[in-house]
C-alpha atoms as a PDB file:
ATOM      1  CA  MET A   1      -0.248   0.091  -0.104  1.00  0.00           C
ATOM      2  CA  ASN A   2       1.184   3.594  -0.418  1.00  0.00           C
ATOM      3  CA  GLU A   3       0.150   4.497   3.021  1.00  0.00           C
ATOM      4  CA  SER A   4       2.858   2.586   4.819  1.00  0.00           C
ATOM      5  CA  THR A   5       5.560   0.141   4.283  1.00  0.00           C
ATOM      6  CA  GLY A   6       5.395  -3.614   4.631  1.00  0.00           C
ATOM      7  CA  ILE A   7       6.417  -6.029   7.530  1.00  0.00           C
ATOM      8  CA  VAL A   8       9.687  -7.604   6.326  1.00  0.00           C
ATOM      9  CA  SER A   9      10.375 -11.194   7.462  1.00  0.00           C
ATOM     10  CA  GLY A  10      14.218 -12.046   7.389  1.00  0.00           C
ATOM     11  CA  PRO A  11      16.616 -14.884   7.951  1.00  0.00           C
ATOM     12  CA  PHE A  12      17.560 -13.721  11.499  1.00  0.00           C
ATOM     13  CA  ASP A  13      14.215 -13.296  12.626  1.00  0.00           C
ATOM     14  CA  THR A  14      12.659 -16.485  10.917  1.00  0.00           C
ATOM     15  CA  PRO A  15      15.483 -18.913  10.390  1.00  0.00           C
ATOM     16  CA  ASN A  16      12.903 -21.414   9.101  1.00  0.00           C
ATOM     17  CA  VAL A  17      12.665 -20.871   5.276  1.00  0.00           C
ATOM     18  CA  GLU A  18       8.951 -22.090   4.902  1.00  0.00           C
ATOM     19  CA  LYS A  19       7.764 -20.063   7.959  1.00  0.00           C
ATOM     20  CA  ARG A  20       9.528 -17.156   6.430  1.00  0.00           C
ATOM     21  CA  ILE A  21       6.963 -17.153   3.682  1.00  0.00           C
ATOM     22  CA  THR A  22       4.004 -16.889   6.055  1.00  0.00           C
ATOM     23  CA  ASP A  23       5.025 -15.907   9.378  1.00  0.00           C
ATOM     24  CA  PHE A  24       6.232 -12.284   9.970  1.00  0.00           C
ATOM     25  CA  PRO A  25       7.550 -10.699  13.145  1.00  0.00           C
ATOM     26  CA  GLN A  26       5.007  -8.581  15.063  1.00  0.00           C
ATOM     27  CA  TRP A  27       6.802  -5.573  15.383  1.00  0.00           C
ATOM     28  CA  GLY A  28       6.292  -3.115  18.204  1.00  0.00           C
ATOM     29  CA  LYS A  29       4.886  -6.056  20.418  1.00  0.00           C
ATOM     30  CA  PRO A  30       5.704  -5.259  24.147  1.00  0.00           C
ATOM     31  CA  GLY A  31       8.576  -7.808  25.205  1.00  0.00           C
ATOM     32  CA  THR A  32       9.967  -8.252  21.818  1.00  0.00           C
ATOM     33  CA  THR A  33      13.067  -7.653  20.166  1.00  0.00           C
ATOM     34  CA  TRP A  34      13.884  -7.854  16.530  1.00  0.00           C
ATOM     35  CA  HIS A  35      17.214  -8.052  14.460  1.00  0.00           C
ATOM     36  CA  SER A  36      16.743  -4.748  12.892  1.00  0.00           C
ATOM     37  CA  PRO A  37      17.178  -1.697  15.078  1.00  0.00           C
ATOM     38  CA  MET A  38      14.619   0.347  12.761  1.00  0.00           C
ATOM     39  CA  THR A  39      11.693  -1.931  14.073  1.00  0.00           C
ATOM     40  CA  LYS A  40      11.763  -0.153  17.560  1.00  0.00           C
ATOM     41  CA  TYR A  41      10.209   2.679  15.661  1.00  0.00           C
ATOM     42  CA  PHE A  42       7.381   0.569  14.404  1.00  0.00           C
ATOM     43  CA  GLN A  43       4.366  -0.509  16.142  1.00  0.00           C
ATOM     44  CA  THR A  44       1.855  -3.184  15.224  1.00  0.00           C
ATOM     45  CA  LYS A  45      -1.468  -4.307  16.398  1.00  0.00           C
ATOM     46  CA  ILE A  46      -4.299  -7.062  15.869  1.00  0.00           C
ATOM     47  CA  VAL A  47      -7.804  -5.611  16.331  1.00  0.00           C
ATOM     48  CA  ASN A  48     -11.341  -7.012  16.461  1.00  0.00           C
ATOM     49  CA  PRO A  49     -13.168  -5.428  13.316  1.00  0.00           C
ATOM     50  CA  GLU A  50     -16.189  -5.058  15.384  1.00  0.00           C
ATOM     51  CA  THR A  51     -15.348  -4.336  18.790  1.00  0.00           C
ATOM     52  CA  LYS A  52     -11.986  -2.502  18.216  1.00  0.00           C
ATOM     53  CA  GLU A  53     -10.266  -4.193  20.925  1.00  0.00           C
ATOM     54  CA  GLU A  54      -6.969  -5.665  20.801  1.00  0.00           C
ATOM     55  CA  LEU A  55      -6.289  -9.639  20.164  1.00  0.00           C
ATOM     56  CA  THR A  56      -3.385 -11.306  21.617  1.00  0.00           C
ATOM     57  CA  GLU A  57      -4.385 -14.996  21.594  1.00  0.00           C
ATOM     58  CA  VAL A  58      -2.500 -17.125  19.262  1.00  0.00           C
ATOM     59  CA  GLY A  59      -4.954 -18.325  16.391  1.00  0.00           C
ATOM     60  CA  SER A  60      -7.005 -14.875  16.788  1.00  0.00           C
ATOM     61  CA  VAL A  61      -7.840 -13.200  13.395  1.00  0.00           C
ATOM     62  CA  GLY A  62      -8.108  -9.350  13.444  1.00  0.00           C
ATOM     63  CA  GLU A  63      -7.373  -6.260  11.218  1.00  0.00           C
ATOM     64  CA  LEU A  64      -3.743  -5.162  11.321  1.00  0.00           C
ATOM     65  CA  TRP A  65      -3.249  -1.566  12.490  1.00  0.00           C
ATOM     66  CA  TYR A  66       0.132  -0.157  11.869  1.00  0.00           C
ATOM     67  CA  ARG A  67       1.924   3.130  13.289  1.00  0.00           C
ATOM     68  CA  GLY A  68       5.436   4.464  12.500  1.00  0.00           C
ATOM     69  CA  PRO A  69       7.398   7.304  11.031  1.00  0.00           C
ATOM     70  CA  ASN A  70       6.755   5.945   7.444  1.00  0.00           C
ATOM     71  CA  VAL A  71       3.200   6.188   7.876  1.00  0.00           C
ATOM     72  CA  ILE A  72       1.183   8.934   6.208  1.00  0.00           C
ATOM     73  CA  PRO A  73      -0.210  11.370   8.611  1.00  0.00           C
ATOM     74  CA  SER A  74      -3.530  11.915   7.050  1.00  0.00           C
ATOM     75  CA  TYR A  75      -5.732  11.932   3.729  1.00  0.00           C
ATOM     76  CA  PHE A  76      -6.035  15.304   2.094  1.00  0.00           C
ATOM     77  CA  LYS A  77      -9.581  16.816   2.665  1.00  0.00           C
ATOM     78  CA  ILE A  78     -11.474  13.405   3.239  1.00  0.00           C
ATOM     79  CA  PRO A  79     -12.057  13.459   7.135  1.00  0.00           C
ATOM     80  CA  ASP A  80     -14.512  10.647   6.823  1.00  0.00           C
ATOM     81  CA  VAL A  81     -11.835   8.383   5.568  1.00  0.00           C
ATOM     82  CA  MET A  82      -9.658   9.652   8.294  1.00  0.00           C
ATOM     83  CA  LYS A  83     -11.884   8.965  10.938  1.00  0.00           C
ATOM     84  CA  GLU A  84     -12.418   5.278   9.710  1.00  0.00           C
ATOM     85  CA  SER A  85      -8.493   4.802   8.819  1.00  0.00           C
ATOM     86  CA  PHE A  86      -6.567   6.012  11.848  1.00  0.00           C
ATOM     87  CA  ASP A  87      -7.244   5.465  15.739  1.00  0.00           C
ATOM     88  CA  LYS A  88      -6.631   8.124  18.499  1.00  0.00           C
ATOM     89  CA  ASP A  89      -3.118   6.789  19.054  1.00  0.00           C
ATOM     90  CA  GLY A  90      -2.315   7.269  15.515  1.00  0.00           C
ATOM     91  CA  PHE A  91      -2.581   3.632  14.389  1.00  0.00           C
ATOM     92  CA  PHE A  92      -3.475   3.198  10.747  1.00  0.00           C
ATOM     93  CA  ASN A  93      -6.037   0.512   9.656  1.00  0.00           C
ATOM     94  CA  THR A  94      -4.521  -1.509   6.775  1.00  0.00           C
ATOM     95  CA  GLY A  95      -7.642  -2.993   5.845  1.00  0.00           C
ATOM     96  CA  ASP A  96      -5.966  -6.559   5.752  1.00  0.00           C
ATOM     97  CA  LEU A  97      -6.833  -9.362   8.289  1.00  0.00           C
ATOM     98  CA  PHE A  98      -3.978 -10.982  10.067  1.00  0.00           C
ATOM     99  CA  GLN A  99      -3.878 -14.219  12.141  1.00  0.00           C
ATOM    100  CA  ILE A 100      -1.660 -14.132  15.223  1.00  0.00           C
ATOM    101  CA  LYS A 101       0.741 -16.985  15.177  1.00  0.00           C
ATOM    102  CA  GLU A 102       3.276 -18.744  17.534  1.00  0.00           C
ATOM    103  CA  GLY A 103       6.849 -17.084  18.080  1.00  0.00           C
ATOM    104  CA  ASP A 104       5.567 -13.738  18.183  1.00  0.00           C
ATOM    105  CA  CYS A 105       4.779 -13.640  14.628  1.00  0.00           C
ATOM    106  CA  ILE A 106       1.481 -12.892  12.298  1.00  0.00           C
ATOM    107  CA  GLY A 107       0.573 -14.003   9.048  1.00  0.00           C
ATOM    108  CA  PHE A 108      -1.696 -12.435   6.446  1.00  0.00           C
ATOM    109  CA  PHE A 109      -5.294 -13.963   6.577  1.00  0.00           C
ATOM    110  CA  ASP A 110      -7.246 -12.016   3.821  1.00  0.00           C
ATOM    111  CA  ARG A 111      -8.569  -8.632   2.929  1.00  0.00           C
ATOM    112  CA  THR A 112     -11.251  -7.359   5.259  1.00  0.00           C
ATOM    113  CA  LYS A 113     -13.952  -6.877   2.646  1.00  0.00           C
ATOM    114  CA  ASP A 114     -13.100 -10.028   0.815  1.00  0.00           C
ATOM    115  CA  ILE A 115     -13.705 -12.180   3.669  1.00  0.00           C
ATOM    116  CA  ILE A 116     -16.632 -14.677   3.418  1.00  0.00           C
ATOM    117  CA  ILE A 117     -18.916 -15.062   6.552  1.00  0.00           C
ATOM    118  CA  ARG A 118     -20.655 -18.269   6.432  1.00  0.00           C
ATOM    119  CA  GLY A 119     -22.996 -18.616   9.313  1.00  0.00           C
ATOM    120  CA  GLY A 120     -20.639 -16.751  11.576  1.00  0.00           C
ATOM    121  CA  PHE A 121     -17.610 -18.432  10.174  1.00  0.00           C
ATOM    122  CA  ASN A 122     -14.784 -16.417   8.567  1.00  0.00           C
ATOM    123  CA  ILE A 123     -13.724 -17.913   5.431  1.00  0.00           C
ATOM    124  CA  SER A 124     -10.727 -16.687   3.730  1.00  0.00           C
ATOM    125  CA  ALA A 125     -11.085 -15.833  -0.240  1.00  0.00           C
ATOM    126  CA  ALA A 126      -7.489 -15.895  -0.525  1.00  0.00           C
ATOM    127  CA  GLU A 127      -7.063 -19.606   0.790  1.00  0.00           C
ATOM    128  CA  ILE A 128      -9.697 -20.866  -1.632  1.00  0.00           C
ATOM    129  CA  GLU A 129      -8.112 -19.251  -4.374  1.00  0.00           C
ATOM    130  CA  ASN A 130      -4.733 -20.352  -3.796  1.00  0.00           C
ATOM    131  CA  MET A 131      -5.908 -23.815  -3.376  1.00  0.00           C
ATOM    132  CA  LEU A 132      -7.926 -23.824  -6.423  1.00  0.00           C
ATOM    133  CA  LEU A 133      -5.001 -22.517  -8.624  1.00  0.00           C
ATOM    134  CA  GLY A 134      -3.196 -25.986  -7.701  1.00  0.00           C
ATOM    135  CA  HIS A 135      -6.020 -27.524  -9.595  1.00  0.00           C
ATOM    136  CA  PRO A 136      -4.821 -29.363 -12.875  1.00  0.00           C
ATOM    137  CA  LYS A 137      -7.882 -27.967 -14.949  1.00  0.00           C
ATOM    138  CA  ILE A 138      -7.785 -24.461 -13.677  1.00  0.00           C
ATOM    139  CA  ALA A 139      -5.930 -21.514 -14.875  1.00  0.00           C
ATOM    140  CA  ASP A 140      -7.216 -18.768 -12.609  1.00  0.00           C
ATOM    141  CA  ALA A 141      -9.809 -18.581 -10.044  1.00  0.00           C
ATOM    142  CA  ALA A 142     -11.366 -16.056  -7.733  1.00  0.00           C
ATOM    143  CA  ALA A 143     -13.822 -16.711  -4.719  1.00  0.00           C
ATOM    144  CA  VAL A 144     -16.309 -14.097  -3.475  1.00  0.00           C
ATOM    145  CA  ALA A 145     -19.217 -14.161  -0.989  1.00  0.00           C
ATOM    146  CA  MET A 146     -22.727 -14.445  -2.410  1.00  0.00           C
ATOM    147  CA  PRO A 147     -25.694 -13.438  -0.448  1.00  0.00           C
ATOM    148  CA  ASP A 148     -28.130 -16.119   1.407  1.00  0.00           C
ATOM    149  CA  GLU A 149     -30.918 -15.865   3.531  1.00  0.00           C
ATOM    150  CA  VAL A 150     -30.131 -18.682   5.797  1.00  0.00           C
ATOM    151  CA  MET A 151     -26.275 -18.705   6.287  1.00  0.00           C
ATOM    152  CA  GLY A 152     -25.767 -14.873   5.550  1.00  0.00           C
ATOM    153  CA  GLU A 153     -23.138 -15.385   2.804  1.00  0.00           C
ATOM    154  CA  ARG A 154     -21.863 -18.615   1.079  1.00  0.00           C
ATOM    155  CA  PRO A 155     -18.577 -19.099  -0.891  1.00  0.00           C
ATOM    156  CA  CYS A 156     -18.960 -18.880  -4.721  1.00  0.00           C
ATOM    157  CA  VAL A 157     -15.947 -19.180  -6.968  1.00  0.00           C
ATOM    158  CA  TYR A 158     -15.407 -17.914 -10.411  1.00  0.00           C
ATOM    159  CA  VAL A 159     -12.945 -20.079 -12.439  1.00  0.00           C
ATOM    160  CA  VAL A 160     -11.037 -19.993 -15.678  1.00  0.00           C
ATOM    161  CA  PRO A 161     -10.526 -23.225 -17.087  1.00  0.00           C
ATOM    162  CA  LYS A 162      -7.317 -24.215 -18.735  1.00  0.00           C
ATOM    163  CA  GLU A 163      -7.358 -24.516 -22.615  1.00  0.00           C
ATOM    164  CA  GLY A 164      -9.791 -27.420 -23.637  1.00  0.00           C
ATOM    165  CA  GLU A 165     -10.861 -28.233 -20.053  1.00  0.00           C
ATOM    166  CA  MET A 166     -14.174 -28.011 -18.310  1.00  0.00           C
ATOM    167  CA  VAL A 167     -14.551 -27.592 -14.579  1.00  0.00           C
ATOM    168  CA  THR A 168     -17.450 -28.832 -12.322  1.00  0.00           C
ATOM    169  CA  LEU A 169     -18.410 -27.744  -8.843  1.00  0.00           C
ATOM    170  CA  ASP A 170     -17.882 -31.477  -7.727  1.00  0.00           C
ATOM    171  CA  GLU A 171     -14.617 -31.719  -9.186  1.00  0.00           C
ATOM    172  CA  VAL A 172     -13.532 -28.479  -7.354  1.00  0.00           C
ATOM    173  CA  THR A 173     -14.785 -29.711  -4.024  1.00  0.00           C
ATOM    174  CA  SER A 174     -13.455 -33.162  -4.341  1.00  0.00           C
ATOM    175  CA  PHE A 175     -10.023 -31.557  -4.974  1.00  0.00           C
ATOM    176  CA  MET A 176     -10.298 -29.353  -1.735  1.00  0.00           C
ATOM    177  CA  LYS A 177     -11.753 -32.274   0.122  1.00  0.00           C
ATOM    178  CA  ASP A 178      -8.254 -34.193  -0.489  1.00  0.00           C
ATOM    179  CA  LYS A 179      -6.587 -31.057   0.698  1.00  0.00           C
ATOM    180  CA  ASP A 180      -8.331 -31.533   4.043  1.00  0.00           C
ATOM    181  CA  ILE A 181     -10.190 -28.110   4.100  1.00  0.00           C
ATOM    182  CA  ALA A 182     -12.587 -27.585   6.586  1.00  0.00           C
ATOM    183  CA  SER A 183     -16.484 -28.413   5.031  1.00  0.00           C
ATOM    184  CA  TYR A 184     -17.542 -25.125   5.761  1.00  0.00           C
ATOM    185  CA  LYS A 185     -15.197 -23.637   3.208  1.00  0.00           C
ATOM    186  CA  LEU A 186     -16.094 -25.596   0.348  1.00  0.00           C
ATOM    187  CA  PRO A 187     -17.695 -23.726  -2.396  1.00  0.00           C
ATOM    188  CA  GLU A 188     -21.453 -24.117  -3.032  1.00  0.00           C
ATOM    189  CA  ARG A 189     -21.611 -22.379  -6.492  1.00  0.00           C
ATOM    190  CA  LEU A 190     -19.297 -22.231  -9.249  1.00  0.00           C
ATOM    191  CA  GLU A 191     -19.230 -19.826 -12.199  1.00  0.00           C
ATOM    192  CA  THR A 192     -16.949 -20.339 -15.527  1.00  0.00           C
ATOM    193  CA  ILE A 193     -15.850 -17.295 -17.083  1.00  0.00           C
ATOM    194  CA  ASP A 194     -13.316 -16.454 -19.749  1.00  0.00           C
ATOM    195  CA  ALA A 195     -11.230 -13.988 -17.552  1.00  0.00           C
ATOM    196  CA  ILE A 196     -10.989 -13.005 -14.080  1.00  0.00           C
ATOM    197  CA  PRO A 197     -11.533  -9.352 -13.911  1.00  0.00           C
ATOM    198  CA  ARG A 198      -8.658  -7.330 -12.511  1.00  0.00           C
ATOM    199  CA  ASN A 199      -7.705  -3.667 -12.186  1.00  0.00           C
ATOM    200  CA  PRO A 200      -4.754  -2.034 -13.922  1.00  0.00           C
ATOM    201  CA  VAL A 201      -2.255  -3.322 -11.139  1.00  0.00           C
ATOM    202  CA  GLY A 202      -3.332  -6.929 -11.412  1.00  0.00           C
ATOM    203  CA  LYS A 203      -5.565  -7.118  -8.383  1.00  0.00           C
ATOM    204  CA  ILE A 204      -8.774  -9.141  -8.697  1.00  0.00           C
ATOM    205  CA  THR A 205     -12.012  -6.524  -8.837  1.00  0.00           C
ATOM    206  CA  LYS A 206     -14.070  -8.581  -6.353  1.00  0.00           C
ATOM    207  CA  SER A 207     -16.903  -5.961  -6.437  1.00  0.00           C
ATOM    208  CA  GLU A 208     -17.612  -6.745 -10.018  1.00  0.00           C
ATOM    209  CA  LEU A 209     -17.817 -10.478  -9.168  1.00  0.00           C
ATOM    210  CA  ARG A 210     -19.983  -9.912  -6.102  1.00  0.00           C
ATOM    211  CA  GLU A 211     -22.616  -7.731  -8.192  1.00  0.00           C
ATOM    212  CA  ASP A 212     -22.632 -10.460 -11.005  1.00  0.00           C
ATOM    213  CA  ILE A 213     -23.543 -13.168  -8.675  1.00  0.00           C
ATOM    214  CA  LYS A 214     -26.149 -11.058  -6.940  1.00  0.00           C
ATOM    215  CA  LYS A 215     -27.506 -10.099 -10.233  1.00  0.00           C
ATOM    216  CA  LYS A 216     -27.699 -14.059 -11.168  1.00  0.00           C
ATOM    217  CA  LEU A 217     -29.502 -14.919  -7.819  1.00  0.00           C
ATOM    218  CA  GLU A 218     -32.099 -12.079  -8.191  1.00  0.00           C
ATOM    219  CA  SER A 219     -32.963 -13.393 -11.603  1.00  0.00           C
ATOM    220  CA  LYS A 220     -34.182 -16.664 -10.552  1.00  0.00           C
END
């Protein structure tokens, strides 16, 4: 993001190569010391999106808030966004959900707005997408929430099949079950498209897909 820098996981703080990909040092956590002396100028915290209380228990998922000399001081002439983006202590809301991990680390979970909430359970769209990219018949994929009267939201996946291939929902769910994913995370609808819509920098435009599935459900 442009508002601040990222958190870096290096060999001194995370010697395990595999963990270095997913586990990042929670800079500024009380009682922790990291290799780079610069980290003493940065603070992070994981916050419950609803109650705004700081989370500390391993396994908890919340919004990543960040404070440091590299964070922008304000947005220009948009006070409403300022109020949502900064707290009274000057921490900036990154809009990303992170999970608290062992060893004073945190790991990316998903974008806050991309989370699928099925019957009170939070489902990471990124987790589904990353798994489906390993399917032998799928070239690209995106997961979004589709509205549901009973569960609130259910997972829907948009997939781009590889040339000459066809993909069914049963094939997708069977593939994911073999990966031991929790049953409540399984997609409940599949849409096949020619290309996943993306913005100029390559990010999936989830709003376009959410609107598409909403219209399709309303047209039934």
